PDB file of N, CA and C in Angstrom:
ATOM      1  N   UNK A   1      79.141 -23.045-179.602  1.00  0.00           N
ATOM      2  CA  UNK A   1      77.567 -22.311-178.758  1.00  0.00           C
ATOM      3  C   UNK A   1      78.746 -20.898-178.007  1.00  0.00           C
ATOM      4  N   UNK A   2      78.162 -20.086-178.432  1.00  0.00           N
ATOM      5  CA  UNK A   2      78.294 -18.762-178.260  1.00  0.00           C
ATOM      6  C   UNK A   2      77.688 -18.668-177.261  1.00  0.00           C
ATOM      7  N   UNK A   3      78.683 -17.154-176.586  1.00  0.00           N
ATOM      8  CA  UNK A   3      77.921 -17.588-174.850  1.00  0.00           C
ATOM      9  C   UNK A   3      78.210 -16.404-175.090  1.00  0.00           C
ATOM     10  N   UNK A   4      77.228 -15.255-174.436  1.00  0.00           N
ATOM     11  CA  UNK A   4      77.089 -14.054-174.343  1.00  0.00           C
ATOM     12  C   UNK A   4      78.194 -13.536-173.616  1.00  0.00           C
ATOM     13  N   UNK A   5      78.588 -13.792-172.378  1.00  0.00           N
ATOM     14  CA  UNK A   5      79.719 -13.076-171.609  1.00  0.00           C
ATOM     15  C   UNK A   5      80.721 -13.308-172.404  1.00  0.00           C
ATOM     16  N   UNK A   6      80.824 -13.556-173.403  1.00  0.00           N
ATOM     17  CA  UNK A   6      82.483 -13.353-173.881  1.00  0.00           C
ATOM     18  C   UNK A   6      83.200 -12.216-174.398  1.00  0.00           C
ATOM     19  N   UNK A   7      81.303 -11.085-174.659  1.00  0.00           N
ATOM     20  CA  UNK A   7      81.713 -10.416-175.049  1.00  0.00           C
ATOM     21  C   UNK A   7      82.032  -9.030-173.847  1.00  0.00           C
ATOM     22  N   UNK A   8      81.677  -9.498-172.630  1.00  0.00           N
ATOM     23  CA  UNK A   8      81.898  -8.399-171.463  1.00  0.00           C
ATOM     24  C   UNK A   8      83.522  -8.169-171.429  1.00  0.00           C
ATOM     25  N   UNK A   9      83.393  -7.365-170.958  1.00  0.00           N
ATOM     26  CA  UNK A   9      85.212  -6.768-170.532  1.00  0.00           C
ATOM     27  C   UNK A   9      85.347  -7.461-169.510  1.00  0.00           C
ATOM     28  N   UNK A  10      85.333  -7.778-168.309  1.00  0.00           N
ATOM     29  CA  UNK A  10      85.706  -9.276-167.279  1.00  0.00           C
ATOM     30  C   UNK A  10      85.768 -10.343-168.391  1.00  0.00           C
ATOM     31  N   UNK A  11      84.706 -10.448-169.089  1.00  0.00           N
ATOM     32  CA  UNK A  11      85.105 -11.956-169.140  1.00  0.00           C
ATOM     33  C   UNK A  11      86.572 -11.842-169.948  1.00  0.00           C
ATOM     34  N   UNK A  12      86.368 -10.594-170.723  1.00  0.00           N
ATOM     35  CA  UNK A  12      87.729 -10.431-171.804  1.00  0.00           C
ATOM     36  C   UNK A  12      89.258 -10.816-171.064  1.00  0.00           C
ATOM     37  N   UNK A  13      88.943  -9.869-169.656  1.00  0.00           N
ATOM     38  CA  UNK A  13      90.470  -9.792-168.940  1.00  0.00           C
ATOM     39  C   UNK A  13      90.475 -10.884-168.359  1.00  0.00           C
ATOM     40  N   UNK A  14      89.935 -11.903-168.515  1.00  0.00           N
ATOM     41  CA  UNK A  14      90.475 -13.295-168.026  1.00  0.00           C
ATOM     42  C   UNK A  14      90.820 -13.863-169.183  1.00  0.00           C
ATOM     43  N   UNK A  15      90.176 -13.824-170.898  1.00  0.00           N
ATOM     44  CA  UNK A  15      90.468 -14.698-171.682  1.00  0.00           C
ATOM     45  C   UNK A  15      92.164 -13.912-172.358  1.00  0.00           C
ATOM     46  N   UNK A  16      91.900 -12.766-171.874  1.00  0.00           N
ATOM     47  CA  UNK A  16      93.062 -11.927-171.596  1.00  0.00           C
ATOM     48  C   UNK A  16      94.826 -13.136-171.502  1.00  0.00           C
ATOM     49  N   UNK A  17      94.363 -13.382-169.567  1.00  0.00           N
ATOM     50  CA  UNK A  17      95.150 -13.286-169.210  1.00  0.00           C
ATOM     51  C   UNK A  17      95.288 -15.009-169.287  1.00  0.00           C
ATOM     52  N   UNK A  18      94.189 -16.325-169.663  1.00  0.00           N
ATOM     53  CA  UNK A  18      93.568 -16.818-169.506  1.00  0.00           C
ATOM     54  C   UNK A  18      93.327 -18.095-168.820  1.00  0.00           C
ATOM     55  N   UNK A  19      93.002 -17.271-167.370  1.00  0.00           N
ATOM     56  CA  UNK A  19      92.209 -17.615-166.428  1.00  0.00           C
ATOM     57  C   UNK A  19      91.074 -17.215-166.299  1.00  0.00           C
ATOM     58  N   UNK A  20      90.541 -18.512-166.225  1.00  0.00           N
ATOM     59  CA  UNK A  20      88.985 -18.130-165.324  1.00  0.00           C
ATOM     60  C   UNK A  20      88.917 -17.602-163.899  1.00  0.00           C
ATOM     61  N   UNK A  21      89.881 -18.398-163.358  1.00  0.00           N
ATOM     62  CA  UNK A  21      89.597 -17.537-161.858  1.00  0.00           C
ATOM     63  C   UNK A  21      88.614 -16.229-161.987  1.00  0.00           C
ATOM     64  N   UNK A  22      89.905 -15.075-162.760  1.00  0.00           N
ATOM     65  CA  UNK A  22      89.379 -13.840-162.746  1.00  0.00           C
ATOM     66  C   UNK A  22      87.499 -13.382-162.802  1.00  0.00           C
ATOM     67  N   UNK A  23      87.097 -14.405-163.393  1.00  0.00           N
ATOM     68  CA  UNK A  23      85.368 -13.868-163.170  1.00  0.00           C
ATOM     69  C   UNK A  23      85.055 -14.719-161.778  1.00  0.00           C
ATOM     70  N   UNK A  24      85.041 -13.423-160.757  1.00  0.00           N
ATOM     71  CA  UNK A  24      84.265 -13.367-159.944  1.00  0.00           C
ATOM     72  C   UNK A  24      83.079 -14.037-159.684  1.00  0.00           C
ATOM     73  N   UNK A  25      82.988 -14.509-158.598  1.00  0.00           N
ATOM     74  CA  UNK A  25      81.182 -15.248-158.296  1.00  0.00           C
ATOM     75  C   UNK A  25      80.664 -14.278-157.762  1.00  0.00           C
ATOM     76  N   UNK A  26      80.414 -12.429-158.121  1.00  0.00           N
ATOM     77  CA  UNK A  26      79.639 -11.190-158.707  1.00  0.00           C
ATOM     78  C   UNK A  26      79.226 -11.657-159.900  1.00  0.00           C
ATOM     79  N   UNK A  27      80.497 -12.039-160.692  1.00  0.00           N
ATOM     80  CA  UNK A  27      80.346 -11.486-162.047  1.00  0.00           C
ATOM     81  C   UNK A  27      79.235 -12.902-162.520  1.00  0.00           C
ATOM     82  N   UNK A  28      79.413 -14.097-161.677  1.00  0.00           N
ATOM     83  CA  UNK A  28      79.316 -15.176-162.283  1.00  0.00           C
ATOM     84  C   UNK A  28      77.377 -15.234-162.245  1.00  0.00           C
ATOM     85  N   UNK A  29      76.993 -14.183-160.761  1.00  0.00           N
ATOM     86  CA  UNK A  29      76.058 -13.930-160.338  1.00  0.00           C
ATOM     87  C   UNK A  29      74.625 -13.015-161.105  1.00  0.00           C
ATOM     88  N   UNK A  30      75.809 -12.451-161.871  1.00  0.00           N
ATOM     89  CA  UNK A  30      74.747 -11.833-162.931  1.00  0.00           C
ATOM     90  C   UNK A  30      74.706 -12.190-163.760  1.00  0.00           C
ATOM     91  N   UNK A  31      75.258 -13.088-164.616  1.00  0.00           N
ATOM     92  CA  UNK A  31      75.142 -13.864-165.795  1.00  0.00           C
ATOM     93  C   UNK A  31      73.482 -13.975-166.033  1.00  0.00           C
ATOM     94  N   UNK A  32      72.927 -15.003-166.873  1.00  0.00           N
ATOM     95  CA  UNK A  32      71.481 -15.448-167.386  1.00  0.00           C
ATOM     96  C   UNK A  32      72.210 -17.207-166.982  1.00  0.00           C
ATOM     97  N   UNK A  33      70.989 -17.274-166.871  1.00  0.00           N
ATOM     98  CA  UNK A  33      70.555 -18.593-166.035  1.00  0.00           C
ATOM     99  C   UNK A  33      71.237 -19.465-166.799  1.00  0.00           C
ATOM    100  N   UNK A  34      71.765 -19.880-168.056  1.00  0.00           N
ATOM    101  CA  UNK A  34      72.390 -20.663-169.182  1.00  0.00           C
ATOM    102  C   UNK A  34      74.039 -19.968-168.857  1.00  0.00           C
ATOM    103  N   UNK A  35      74.353 -18.982-168.883  1.00  0.00           N
ATOM    104  CA  UNK A  35      75.235 -18.574-168.647  1.00  0.00           C
ATOM    105  C   UNK A  35      76.122 -18.823-167.411  1.00  0.00           C
ATOM    106  N   UNK A  36      74.909 -18.974-166.047  1.00  0.00           N
ATOM    107  CA  UNK A  36      75.508 -18.970-165.437  1.00  0.00           C
ATOM    108  C   UNK A  36      75.738 -20.996-164.968  1.00  0.00           C
ATOM    109  N   UNK A  37      74.557 -21.642-165.710  1.00  0.00           N
ATOM    110  CA  UNK A  37      75.399 -23.390-165.289  1.00  0.00           C
ATOM    111  C   UNK A  37      77.000 -23.035-166.095  1.00  0.00           C
ATOM    112  N   UNK A  38      76.462 -22.464-166.945  1.00  0.00           N
ATOM    113  CA  UNK A  38      78.212 -22.271-167.858  1.00  0.00           C
ATOM    114  C   UNK A  38      79.654 -21.984-166.488  1.00  0.00           C
ATOM    115  N   UNK A  39      79.265 -20.911-166.432  1.00  0.00           N
ATOM    116  CA  UNK A  39      80.123 -20.200-165.437  1.00  0.00           C
ATOM    117  C   UNK A  39      80.621 -21.378-164.043  1.00  0.00           C
ATOM    118  N   UNK A  40      79.668 -22.535-163.470  1.00  0.00           N
ATOM    119  CA  UNK A  40      79.952 -23.055-162.771  1.00  0.00           C
ATOM    120  C   UNK A  40      80.480 -24.067-163.076  1.00  0.00           C
ATOM    121  N   UNK A  41      81.071 -24.480-164.494  1.00  0.00           N
ATOM    122  CA  UNK A  41      81.662 -25.830-164.671  1.00  0.00           C
ATOM    123  C   UNK A  41      83.123 -25.192-165.640  1.00  0.00           C
ATOM    124  N   UNK A  42      84.118 -25.289-164.305  1.00  0.00           N
ATOM    125  CA  UNK A  42      85.749 -25.064-165.164  1.00  0.00           C
ATOM    126  C   UNK A  42      85.447 -25.496-166.276  1.00  0.00           C
ATOM    127  N   UNK A  43      85.660 -26.875-166.105  1.00  0.00           N
ATOM    128  CA  UNK A  43      86.623 -27.022-167.376  1.00  0.00           C
ATOM    129  C   UNK A  43      85.322 -26.275-169.112  1.00  0.00           C
ATOM    130  N   UNK A  44      84.200 -26.022-168.987  1.00  0.00           N
ATOM    131  CA  UNK A  44      83.456 -25.634-169.569  1.00  0.00           C
ATOM    132  C   UNK A  44      84.394 -23.921-169.958  1.00  0.00           C
ATOM    133  N   UNK A  45      84.902 -23.508-168.719  1.00  0.00           N
ATOM    134  CA  UNK A  45      84.520 -22.216-169.269  1.00  0.00           C
ATOM    135  C   UNK A  45      86.361 -21.752-169.695  1.00  0.00           C
ATOM    136  N   UNK A  46      87.168 -22.979-169.233  1.00  0.00           N
ATOM    137  CA  UNK A  46      88.456 -22.922-169.385  1.00  0.00           C
ATOM    138  C   UNK A  46      88.120 -22.767-171.046  1.00  0.00           C
ATOM    139  N   UNK A  47      87.721 -24.250-171.706  1.00  0.00           N
ATOM    140  CA  UNK A  47      87.363 -23.894-172.658  1.00  0.00           C
ATOM    141  C   UNK A  47      86.809 -23.027-173.871  1.00  0.00           C
ATOM    142  N   UNK A  48      85.999 -22.296-173.088  1.00  0.00           N
ATOM    143  CA  UNK A  48      85.608 -20.764-173.936  1.00  0.00           C
ATOM    144  C   UNK A  48      86.515 -19.668-173.772  1.00  0.00           C
ATOM    145  N   UNK A  49      87.393 -19.875-172.570  1.00  0.00           N
ATOM    146  CA  UNK A  49      88.256 -18.998-172.719  1.00  0.00           C
ATOM    147  C   UNK A  49      89.279 -19.204-173.553  1.00  0.00           C
ATOM    148  N   UNK A  50      89.474 -20.205-174.028  1.00  0.00           N
ATOM    149  CA  UNK A  50      90.780 -20.572-175.025  1.00  0.00           C
ATOM    150  C   UNK A  50      90.295 -20.347-176.326  1.00  0.00           C
ATOM    151  N   UNK A  51      88.681 -20.113-176.290  1.00  0.00           N
ATOM    152  CA  UNK A  51      87.830 -20.056-178.046  1.00  0.00           C
ATOM    153  C   UNK A  51      88.178 -18.776-177.971  1.00  0.00           C
ATOM    154  N   UNK A  52      88.092 -17.803-176.693  1.00  0.00           N
ATOM    155  CA  UNK A  52      88.086 -15.822-176.425  1.00  0.00           C
ATOM    156  C   UNK A  52      89.369 -15.652-176.853  1.00  0.00           C
ATOM    157  N   UNK A  53      90.139 -16.350-176.752  1.00  0.00           N
ATOM    158  CA  UNK A  53      92.131 -16.089-176.397  1.00  0.00           C
ATOM    159  C   UNK A  53      92.673 -16.071-178.178  1.00  0.00           C
ATOM    160  N   UNK A  54      91.263 -17.269-178.851  1.00  0.00           N
ATOM    161  CA  UNK A  54      91.377 -17.163-180.328  1.00  0.00           C
ATOM    162  C   UNK A  54      91.075 -16.356-181.614  1.00  0.00           C
ATOM    163  N   UNK A  55      90.205 -16.160-180.494  1.00  0.00           N
ATOM    164  CA  UNK A  55      88.778 -15.172-181.760  1.00  0.00           C
ATOM    165  C   UNK A  55      89.254 -13.578-181.611  1.00  0.00           C
ATOM    166  N   UNK A  56      89.827 -13.136-180.447  1.00  0.00           N
ATOM    167  CA  UNK A  56      90.643 -11.892-180.065  1.00  0.00           C
ATOM    168  C   UNK A  56      91.975 -11.779-180.588  1.00  0.00           C
ATOM    169  N   UNK A  57      92.622 -13.180-180.622  1.00  0.00           N
ATOM    170  CA  UNK A  57      94.073 -12.893-180.551  1.00  0.00           C
ATOM    171  C   UNK A  57      94.683 -14.072-182.072  1.00  0.00           C
ATOM    172  N   UNK A  58      94.360 -14.109-182.574  1.00  0.00           N
ATOM    173  CA  UNK A  58      94.773 -15.001-183.828  1.00  0.00           C
ATOM    174  C   UNK A  58      96.666 -14.981-184.164  1.00  0.00           C
ATOM    175  N   UNK A  59      96.733 -16.507-183.732  1.00  0.00           N
ATOM    176  CA  UNK A  59      97.872 -16.554-183.857  1.00  0.00           C
ATOM    177  C   UNK A  59      99.057 -16.894-185.541  1.00  0.00           C
TER     178      UNK A  59
END
């Protein structure tokens, strides 16, 4: 599942550091409903951050 918030700078910062806590509450409130539900799920964020890291910095 591709989540558009993955393209946003704040999300990419969180991905770069592998830290979903960097996603502020305000940022999450500004997401679409689907993304908001996604952002409330810690493990889902951690999985998506991992995917972003893989996409941005292939090893």
